[in-house]
PDB file of N, CA and C in Angstrom:
ATOM      1  N   MET A   1     209.846  24.453 -58.465  1.00  0.00           N
ATOM      2  CA  MET A   1     210.079  23.482 -57.418  1.00  0.00           C
ATOM      3  C   MET A   1     210.173  22.076 -58.005  1.00  0.00           C
ATOM      4  N   SER A   2     210.896  21.252 -57.312  1.00  0.00           N
ATOM      5  CA  SER A   2     211.089  19.876 -57.753  1.00  0.00           C
ATOM      6  C   SER A   2     209.844  19.034 -57.515  1.00  0.00           C
ATOM      7  N   LYS A   3     209.650  18.070 -58.362  1.00  0.00           N
ATOM      8  CA  LYS A   3     208.512  17.168 -58.226  1.00  0.00           C
ATOM      9  C   LYS A   3     209.025  15.730 -58.108  1.00  0.00           C
ATOM     10  N   ALA A   4     209.954  15.534 -57.186  1.00  0.00           N
ATOM     11  CA  ALA A   4     210.631  14.249 -57.043  1.00  0.00           C
ATOM     12  C   ALA A   4     209.728  13.164 -56.482  1.00  0.00           C
ATOM     13  N   HIS A   5     208.693  13.536 -55.747  1.00  0.00           N
ATOM     14  CA  HIS A   5     207.864  12.529 -55.089  1.00  0.00           C
ATOM     15  C   HIS A   5     206.560  12.267 -55.829  1.00  0.00           C
ATOM     16  N   ARG A   6     206.410  12.780 -57.010  1.00  0.00           N
ATOM     17  CA  ARG A   6     205.168  12.588 -57.758  1.00  0.00           C
ATOM     18  C   ARG A   6     205.017  11.114 -58.142  1.00  0.00           C
ATOM     19  N   GLY A   7     203.889  10.531 -57.791  1.00  0.00           N
ATOM     20  CA  GLY A   7     203.623   9.137 -58.137  1.00  0.00           C
ATOM     21  C   GLY A   7     204.266   8.136 -57.207  1.00  0.00           C
ATOM     22  N   LYS A   8     204.839   8.596 -56.089  1.00  0.00           N
ATOM     23  CA  LYS A   8     205.532   7.688 -55.184  1.00  0.00           C
ATOM     24  C   LYS A   8     204.568   6.667 -54.578  1.00  0.00           C
ATOM     25  N   GLY A   9     203.348   7.093 -54.277  1.00  0.00           N
ATOM     26  CA  GLY A   9     202.372   6.198 -53.658  1.00  0.00           C
ATOM     27  C   GLY A   9     201.965   5.041 -54.536  1.00  0.00           C
ATOM     28  N   ILE A  10     201.833   5.277 -55.846  1.00  0.00           N
ATOM     29  CA  ILE A  10     201.438   4.178 -56.725  1.00  0.00           C
ATOM     30  C   ILE A  10     202.633   3.358 -57.183  1.00  0.00           C
ATOM     31  N   ALA A  11     203.833   3.911 -57.082  1.00  0.00           N
ATOM     32  CA  ALA A  11     205.020   3.143 -57.454  1.00  0.00           C
ATOM     33  C   ALA A  11     205.248   1.997 -56.485  1.00  0.00           C
ATOM     34  N   GLU A  12     204.771   2.153 -55.252  1.00  0.00           N
ATOM     35  CA  GLU A  12     204.955   1.107 -54.246  1.00  0.00           C
ATOM     36  C   GLU A  12     203.933  -0.020 -54.384  1.00  0.00           C
ATOM     37  N   LEU A  13     202.853   0.201 -55.135  1.00  0.00           N
ATOM     38  CA  LEU A  13     201.849  -0.843 -55.344  1.00  0.00           C
ATOM     39  C   LEU A  13     202.361  -1.896 -56.320  1.00  0.00           C
ATOM     40  N   ALA A  14     201.740  -3.056 -56.303  1.00  0.00           N
ATOM     41  CA  ALA A  14     202.119  -4.115 -57.233  1.00  0.00           C
ATOM     42  C   ALA A  14     201.871  -3.655 -58.664  1.00  0.00           C
ATOM     43  N   LYS A  15     202.828  -3.831 -59.523  1.00  0.00           N
ATOM     44  CA  LYS A  15     202.781  -3.442 -60.935  1.00  0.00           C
ATOM     45  C   LYS A  15     202.523  -1.953 -61.115  1.00  0.00           C
ATOM     46  N   GLY A  16     202.889  -1.152 -60.125  1.00  0.00           N
ATOM     47  CA  GLY A  16     202.703   0.291 -60.220  1.00  0.00           C
ATOM     48  C   GLY A  16     201.244   0.714 -60.203  1.00  0.00           C
ATOM     49  N   GLY A  17     200.373  -0.123 -59.642  1.00  0.00           N
ATOM     50  CA  GLY A  17     198.958   0.204 -59.556  1.00  0.00           C
ATOM     51  C   GLY A  17     198.192  -0.070 -60.833  1.00  0.00           C
ATOM     52  N   ARG A  18     198.818  -0.740 -61.774  1.00  0.00           N
ATOM     53  CA  ARG A  18     198.164  -1.007 -63.059  1.00  0.00           C
ATOM     54  C   ARG A  18     197.622  -2.432 -63.115  1.00  0.00           C
ATOM     55  N   GLY A  19     196.573  -2.594 -63.916  1.00  0.00           N
ATOM     56  CA  GLY A  19     195.981  -3.908 -64.077  1.00  0.00           C
ATOM     57  C   GLY A  19     194.785  -3.838 -65.004  1.00  0.00           C
ATOM     58  N   THR A  20     193.896  -4.805 -64.905  1.00  0.00           N
ATOM     59  CA  THR A  20     192.691  -4.858 -65.724  1.00  0.00           C
ATOM     60  C   THR A  20     191.508  -4.386 -64.894  1.00  0.00           C
ATOM     61  N   CYS A  21     190.787  -3.415 -65.413  1.00  0.00           N
ATOM     62  CA  CYS A  21     189.625  -2.874 -64.713  1.00  0.00           C
ATOM     63  C   CYS A  21     188.499  -3.906 -64.746  1.00  0.00           C
ATOM     64  N   PRO A  22     187.887  -4.200 -63.595  1.00  0.00           N
ATOM     65  CA  PRO A  22     186.818  -5.202 -63.576  1.00  0.00           C
ATOM     66  C   PRO A  22     185.524  -4.731 -64.236  1.00  0.00           C
ATOM     67  N   MET A  23     185.335  -3.430 -64.407  1.00  0.00           N
ATOM     68  CA  MET A  23     184.096  -2.927 -65.021  1.00  0.00           C
ATOM     69  C   MET A  23     184.201  -2.868 -66.541  1.00  0.00           C
ATOM     70  N   CYS A  24     185.220  -2.172 -67.046  1.00  0.00           N
ATOM     71  CA  CYS A  24     185.312  -1.960 -68.497  1.00  0.00           C
ATOM     72  C   CYS A  24     186.240  -2.962 -69.182  1.00  0.00           C
ATOM     73  N   LYS A  25     186.938  -3.779 -68.411  1.00  0.00           N
ATOM     74  CA  LYS A  25     187.818  -4.847 -68.921  1.00  0.00           C
ATOM     75  C   LYS A  25     189.022  -4.322 -69.710  1.00  0.00           C
ATOM     76  N   ARG A  26     189.356  -3.027 -69.568  1.00  0.00           N
ATOM     77  CA  ARG A  26     190.562  -2.521 -70.216  1.00  0.00           C
ATOM     78  C   ARG A  26     191.770  -2.933 -69.391  1.00  0.00           C
ATOM     79  N   ASP A  27     192.869  -3.244 -70.058  1.00  0.00           N
ATOM     80  CA  ASP A  27     194.061  -3.653 -69.322  1.00  0.00           C
ATOM     81  C   ASP A  27     195.150  -2.598 -69.444  1.00  0.00           C
ATOM     82  N   GLY A  28     196.047  -2.601 -68.475  1.00  0.00           N
ATOM     83  CA  GLY A  28     197.151  -1.654 -68.452  1.00  0.00           C
ATOM     84  C   GLY A  28     196.759  -0.272 -67.960  1.00  0.00           C
ATOM     85  N   VAL A  29     195.614  -0.137 -67.290  1.00  0.00           N
ATOM     86  CA  VAL A  29     195.180   1.157 -66.768  1.00  0.00           C
ATOM     87  C   VAL A  29     195.440   1.198 -65.259  1.00  0.00           C
ATOM     88  N   LYS A  30     195.569   2.415 -64.727  1.00  0.00           N
ATOM     89  CA  LYS A  30     195.792   2.573 -63.297  1.00  0.00           C
ATOM     90  C   LYS A  30     194.484   2.336 -62.549  1.00  0.00           C
ATOM     91  N   LEU A  31     194.529   1.460 -61.559  1.00  0.00           N
ATOM     92  CA  LEU A  31     193.358   1.120 -60.757  1.00  0.00           C
ATOM     93  C   LEU A  31     193.532   1.759 -59.380  1.00  0.00           C
ATOM     94  N   LEU A  32     193.076   2.987 -59.253  1.00  0.00           N
ATOM     95  CA  LEU A  32     193.346   3.765 -58.051  1.00  0.00           C
ATOM     96  C   LEU A  32     192.116   4.022 -57.204  1.00  0.00           C
ATOM     97  N   TYR A  33     190.932   3.726 -57.694  1.00  0.00           N
ATOM     98  CA  TYR A  33     189.704   4.105 -57.008  1.00  0.00           C
ATOM     99  C   TYR A  33     188.999   2.872 -56.467  1.00  0.00           C
ATOM    100  N   GLU A  34     188.873   2.800 -55.141  1.00  0.00           N
ATOM    101  CA  GLU A  34     188.231   1.656 -54.514  1.00  0.00           C
ATOM    102  C   GLU A  34     186.722   1.849 -54.539  1.00  0.00           C
ATOM    103  N   GLN A  35     186.016   0.842 -55.028  1.00  0.00           N
ATOM    104  CA  GLN A  35     184.558   0.916 -55.178  1.00  0.00           C
ATOM    105  C   GLN A  35     183.974  -0.441 -54.831  1.00  0.00           C
ATOM    106  N   GLU A  36     182.773  -0.452 -54.285  1.00  0.00           N
ATOM    107  CA  GLU A  36     182.113  -1.713 -53.964  1.00  0.00           C
ATOM    108  C   GLU A  36     181.293  -2.163 -55.168  1.00  0.00           C
ATOM    109  N   LEU A  37     181.660  -3.309 -55.728  1.00  0.00           N
ATOM    110  CA  LEU A  37     180.983  -3.889 -56.882  1.00  0.00           C
ATOM    111  C   LEU A  37     180.533  -5.294 -56.520  1.00  0.00           C
ATOM    112  N   GLU A  38     179.235  -5.541 -56.645  1.00  0.00           N
ATOM    113  CA  GLU A  38     178.669  -6.859 -56.377  1.00  0.00           C
ATOM    114  C   GLU A  38     179.033  -7.371 -54.990  1.00  0.00           C
ATOM    115  N   GLY A  39     179.046  -6.474 -54.009  1.00  0.00           N
ATOM    116  CA  GLY A  39     179.331  -6.859 -52.640  1.00  0.00           C
ATOM    117  C   GLY A  39     180.797  -6.987 -52.288  1.00  0.00           C
ATOM    118  N   GLN A  40     181.691  -6.736 -53.239  1.00  0.00           N
ATOM    119  CA  GLN A  40     183.124  -6.835 -52.992  1.00  0.00           C
ATOM    120  C   GLN A  40     183.779  -5.490 -53.276  1.00  0.00           C
ATOM    121  N   LYS A  41     184.792  -5.147 -52.476  1.00  0.00           N
ATOM    122  CA  LYS A  41     185.539  -3.918 -52.733  1.00  0.00           C
ATOM    123  C   LYS A  41     186.612  -4.214 -53.768  1.00  0.00           C
ATOM    124  N   GLN A  42     186.562  -3.472 -54.872  1.00  0.00           N
ATOM    125  CA  GLN A  42     187.533  -3.656 -55.946  1.00  0.00           C
ATOM    126  C   GLN A  42     188.049  -2.293 -56.388  1.00  0.00           C
ATOM    127  N   ASN A  43     189.215  -2.277 -56.965  1.00  0.00           N
ATOM    128  CA  ASN A  43     189.770  -1.048 -57.508  1.00  0.00           C
ATOM    129  C   ASN A  43     189.363  -0.919 -58.972  1.00  0.00           C
ATOM    130  N   ILE A  44     188.928   0.303 -59.349  1.00  0.00           N
ATOM    131  CA  ILE A  44     188.502   0.554 -60.725  1.00  0.00           C
ATOM    132  C   ILE A  44     189.287   1.731 -61.291  1.00  0.00           C
ATOM    133  N   CYS A  45     189.179   1.924 -62.602  1.00  0.00           N
ATOM    134  CA  CYS A  45     189.915   2.993 -63.270  1.00  0.00           C
ATOM    135  C   CYS A  45     189.179   4.323 -63.139  1.00  0.00           C
ATOM    136  N   LYS A  46     189.835   5.383 -63.564  1.00  0.00           N
ATOM    137  CA  LYS A  46     189.301   6.736 -63.450  1.00  0.00           C
ATOM    138  C   LYS A  46     188.042   6.926 -64.295  1.00  0.00           C
ATOM    139  N   MET A  47     188.005   6.354 -65.474  1.00  0.00           N
ATOM    140  CA  MET A  47     186.849   6.518 -66.356  1.00  0.00           C
ATOM    141  C   MET A  47     185.611   5.841 -65.770  1.00  0.00           C
ATOM    142  N   CYS A  48     185.762   4.677 -65.180  1.00  0.00           N
ATOM    143  CA  CYS A  48     184.625   3.984 -64.578  1.00  0.00           C
ATOM    144  C   CYS A  48     184.160   4.694 -63.319  1.00  0.00           C
ATOM    145  N   LYS A  49     185.074   5.276 -62.572  1.00  0.00           N
ATOM    146  CA  LYS A  49     184.710   6.051 -61.389  1.00  0.00           C
ATOM    147  C   LYS A  49     183.850   7.256 -61.796  1.00  0.00           C
ATOM    148  N   ALA A  50     184.240   7.934 -62.873  1.00  0.00           N
ATOM    149  CA  ALA A  50     183.474   9.080 -63.372  1.00  0.00           C
ATOM    150  C   ALA A  50     182.112   8.639 -63.883  1.00  0.00           C
ATOM    151  N   THR A  51     182.041   7.494 -64.530  1.00  0.00           N
ATOM    152  CA  THR A  51     180.775   6.978 -65.042  1.00  0.00           C
ATOM    153  C   THR A  51     179.805   6.705 -63.891  1.00  0.00           C
ATOM    154  N   LEU A  52     180.310   6.094 -62.810  1.00  0.00           N
ATOM    155  CA  LEU A  52     179.461   5.810 -61.664  1.00  0.00           C
ATOM    156  C   LEU A  52     179.010   7.098 -60.983  1.00  0.00           C
ATOM    157  N   ALA A  53     179.871   8.097 -60.920  1.00  0.00           N
ATOM    158  CA  ALA A  53     179.529   9.366 -60.292  1.00  0.00           C
ATOM    159  C   ALA A  53     178.476  10.123 -61.114  1.00  0.00           C
ATOM    160  N   ASN A  54     178.537  10.024 -62.422  1.00  0.00           N
ATOM    161  CA  ASN A  54     177.577  10.725 -63.280  1.00  0.00           C
ATOM    162  C   ASN A  54     176.209  10.052 -63.307  1.00  0.00           C
ATOM    163  N   LYS A  55     176.141   8.762 -62.983  1.00  0.00           N
ATOM    164  CA  LYS A  55     174.869   8.051 -62.971  1.00  0.00           C
ATOM    165  C   LYS A  55     174.023   8.416 -61.755  1.00  0.00           C
ATOM    166  N   LYS A  56     174.680   8.917 -60.697  1.00  0.00           N
ATOM    167  CA  LYS A  56     173.946   9.255 -59.461  1.00  0.00           C
ATOM    168  C   LYS A  56     173.104  10.484 -59.634  1.00  0.00           C
TER     169      LYS A  56
END
């Protein structure tokens, strides 16, 4: 089957959903996971999301 729509949701975001992660400070990573940090909702990368989930 065709996979023509893969990634369509992030292609519509600014810069394709990429930027600098506020937690690990890496740049050029996909910021797809919304998390509350220091009282503000921010998008973080997949690795930081996993780190927060493993700390619980």
